[in-house]
């Protein structure tokens, strides 16, 4: 069984609801999942954008990294996310695999509040979950 730590975020209208719905949908894609509460964080980066609602999930799945990543990216597209949204600072829903088994996929994310808040709440680290 593979394990993953994911980050979920949204910064548009109804962002908190979008993240909540996404957690339920992700749960149906994997064998097991546990999520942090949903919390608000300030946007990071140079593009002006609204605050985000975020949460962290810990997943167990029999899928490969590529299979899960594709499912999550398909979910983002079905939710309405377009490539140009990134440069516009619009995030309908964003789902990133930050840790896969023992491999850190997005090391910068691990130090950002949008991940640390949820990881602390779930009492997990990149090396032990």
Protein backbone atom coordinates (compact mmCIF):
# COMPACT_ATOMS: atom_id res chain seq x y z
CA UNK A 1 0.00 0.00 0.00
CA UNK A 2 1.37 3.41 -0.99
CA UNK A 3 1.04 6.44 1.27
CA UNK A 4 0.83 10.09 0.35
CA UNK A 5 0.52 13.47 1.98
CA UNK A 6 -1.49 15.88 -0.14
CA UNK A 7 -2.32 19.56 0.09
CA UNK A 8 -5.69 20.89 -1.06
CA UNK A 9 -6.46 24.57 -1.55
CA UNK A 10 -8.88 27.04 -3.12
CA UNK A 11 -9.04 30.83 -3.18
CA UNK A 12 -12.25 31.62 -5.07
CA UNK A 13 -15.81 32.12 -3.88
CA UNK A 14 -17.09 29.23 -1.78
CA UNK A 15 -13.47 28.11 -1.29
CA UNK A 16 -14.13 26.42 2.04
CA UNK A 17 -17.01 24.42 0.53
CA UNK A 18 -14.88 23.49 -2.48
CA UNK A 19 -12.14 22.11 -0.24
CA UNK A 20 -14.67 20.24 1.88
CA UNK A 21 -16.24 18.68 -1.22
CA UNK A 22 -12.82 17.82 -2.61
CA UNK A 23 -11.93 15.91 0.57
CA UNK A 24 -15.05 13.77 0.18
CA UNK A 25 -14.27 13.14 -3.48
CA UNK A 26 -10.62 12.26 -2.82
CA UNK A 27 -11.76 9.79 -0.16
CA UNK A 28 -13.71 7.95 -2.86
CA UNK A 29 -10.56 7.70 -5.04
CA UNK A 30 -8.31 5.95 -2.51
CA UNK A 31 -8.38 3.08 -0.02
CA UNK A 32 -8.06 5.25 3.10
CA UNK A 33 -7.83 8.96 3.84
CA UNK A 34 -7.66 11.24 6.83
CA UNK A 35 -7.91 15.02 6.54
CA UNK A 36 -7.06 17.96 8.74
CA UNK A 37 -9.59 20.65 9.43
CA UNK A 38 -9.99 23.36 6.78
CA UNK A 39 -8.19 26.60 7.62
CA UNK A 40 -7.47 29.96 6.02
CA UNK A 41 -3.97 31.03 4.98
CA UNK A 42 -2.53 34.04 3.21
CA UNK A 43 -1.58 33.66 -0.43
CA UNK A 44 2.11 33.10 -1.21
CA UNK A 45 3.80 34.63 -4.23
CA UNK A 46 3.93 37.81 -6.26
CA UNK A 47 0.52 37.56 -7.93
CA UNK A 48 -2.14 39.45 -5.93
CA UNK A 49 -4.82 36.97 -4.90
CA UNK A 50 -7.30 36.33 -2.11
CA UNK A 51 -6.54 34.20 0.92
CA UNK A 52 -6.82 30.44 0.55
CA UNK A 53 -8.73 27.77 2.36
CA UNK A 54 -6.52 24.72 2.77
CA UNK A 55 -6.30 21.30 4.32
CA UNK A 56 -3.88 18.41 4.38
CA UNK A 57 -4.72 14.79 3.67
CA UNK A 58 -2.93 11.55 4.44
CA UNK A 59 -3.83 8.86 1.92
CA UNK A 60 -3.30 5.13 1.55
CA UNK A 61 -3.75 3.73 -1.94
CA UNK A 62 -2.88 0.74 -4.08
CA UNK A 63 -2.46 3.10 -7.05
CA UNK A 64 0.91 4.15 -8.41
CA UNK A 65 2.12 7.72 -8.06
CA UNK A 66 1.29 8.45 -11.70
CA UNK A 67 -2.20 6.94 -11.43
CA UNK A 68 -3.09 8.99 -8.37
CA UNK A 69 -1.53 12.16 -9.76
CA UNK A 70 -3.56 11.78 -12.97
CA UNK A 71 -6.80 11.26 -11.02
CA UNK A 72 -6.15 14.39 -8.96
CA UNK A 73 -5.29 16.50 -12.02
CA UNK A 74 -8.40 15.19 -13.81
CA UNK A 75 -10.43 16.23 -10.77
CA UNK A 76 -8.96 19.75 -10.93
CA UNK A 77 -9.88 20.04 -14.61
CA UNK A 78 -13.41 18.72 -14.04
CA UNK A 79 -13.81 21.31 -11.28
CA UNK A 80 -13.04 23.99 -13.90
CA UNK A 81 -9.35 24.69 -13.35
CA UNK A 82 -7.61 25.96 -16.49
CA UNK A 83 -3.86 26.42 -17.15
CA UNK A 84 -4.25 30.21 -17.47
CA UNK A 85 -5.80 30.46 -14.00
CA UNK A 86 -2.39 30.10 -12.37
CA UNK A 87 -1.06 33.34 -13.89
CA UNK A 88 -4.32 35.07 -12.93
CA UNK A 89 -4.10 33.99 -9.29
CA UNK A 90 -7.36 32.04 -9.55
CA UNK A 91 -7.43 28.67 -7.86
CA UNK A 92 -10.76 26.86 -8.11
CA UNK A 93 -9.14 23.79 -6.55
CA UNK A 94 -5.51 22.74 -6.28
CA UNK A 95 -4.42 19.28 -5.15
CA UNK A 96 -0.74 18.46 -4.84
CA UNK A 97 1.02 15.29 -3.79
CA UNK A 98 3.69 16.67 -1.46
CA UNK A 99 5.08 13.40 -0.09
CA UNK A 100 4.88 9.96 -1.71
CA UNK A 101 5.93 7.10 0.55
CA UNK A 102 9.42 8.21 1.64
CA UNK A 103 9.98 10.68 -1.23
CA UNK A 104 9.42 14.40 -0.77
CA UNK A 105 7.91 15.60 -4.05
CA UNK A 106 7.45 19.28 -3.21
CA UNK A 107 10.01 20.23 -0.56
CA UNK A 108 9.19 23.95 -0.59
CA UNK A 109 5.57 23.20 0.29
CA UNK A 110 6.61 21.40 3.47
CA UNK A 111 7.68 24.69 5.08
CA UNK A 112 4.65 26.72 4.00
CA UNK A 113 1.85 27.43 6.45
CA UNK A 114 -0.73 25.94 4.08
CA UNK A 115 0.93 22.57 4.77
CA UNK A 116 2.46 22.93 8.25
CA UNK A 117 -0.84 23.83 9.93
CA UNK A 118 -2.57 20.69 8.68
CA UNK A 119 0.44 18.44 9.19
CA UNK A 120 0.81 19.65 12.78
CA UNK A 121 -2.89 19.02 13.40
CA UNK A 122 -2.59 15.48 12.00
CA UNK A 123 0.66 15.02 13.95
CA UNK A 124 2.60 13.93 10.85
CA UNK A 125 5.91 14.77 9.24
CA UNK A 126 7.38 13.98 5.85
CA UNK A 127 9.41 11.18 7.41
CA UNK A 128 6.75 9.66 9.60
CA UNK A 129 3.13 9.22 8.63
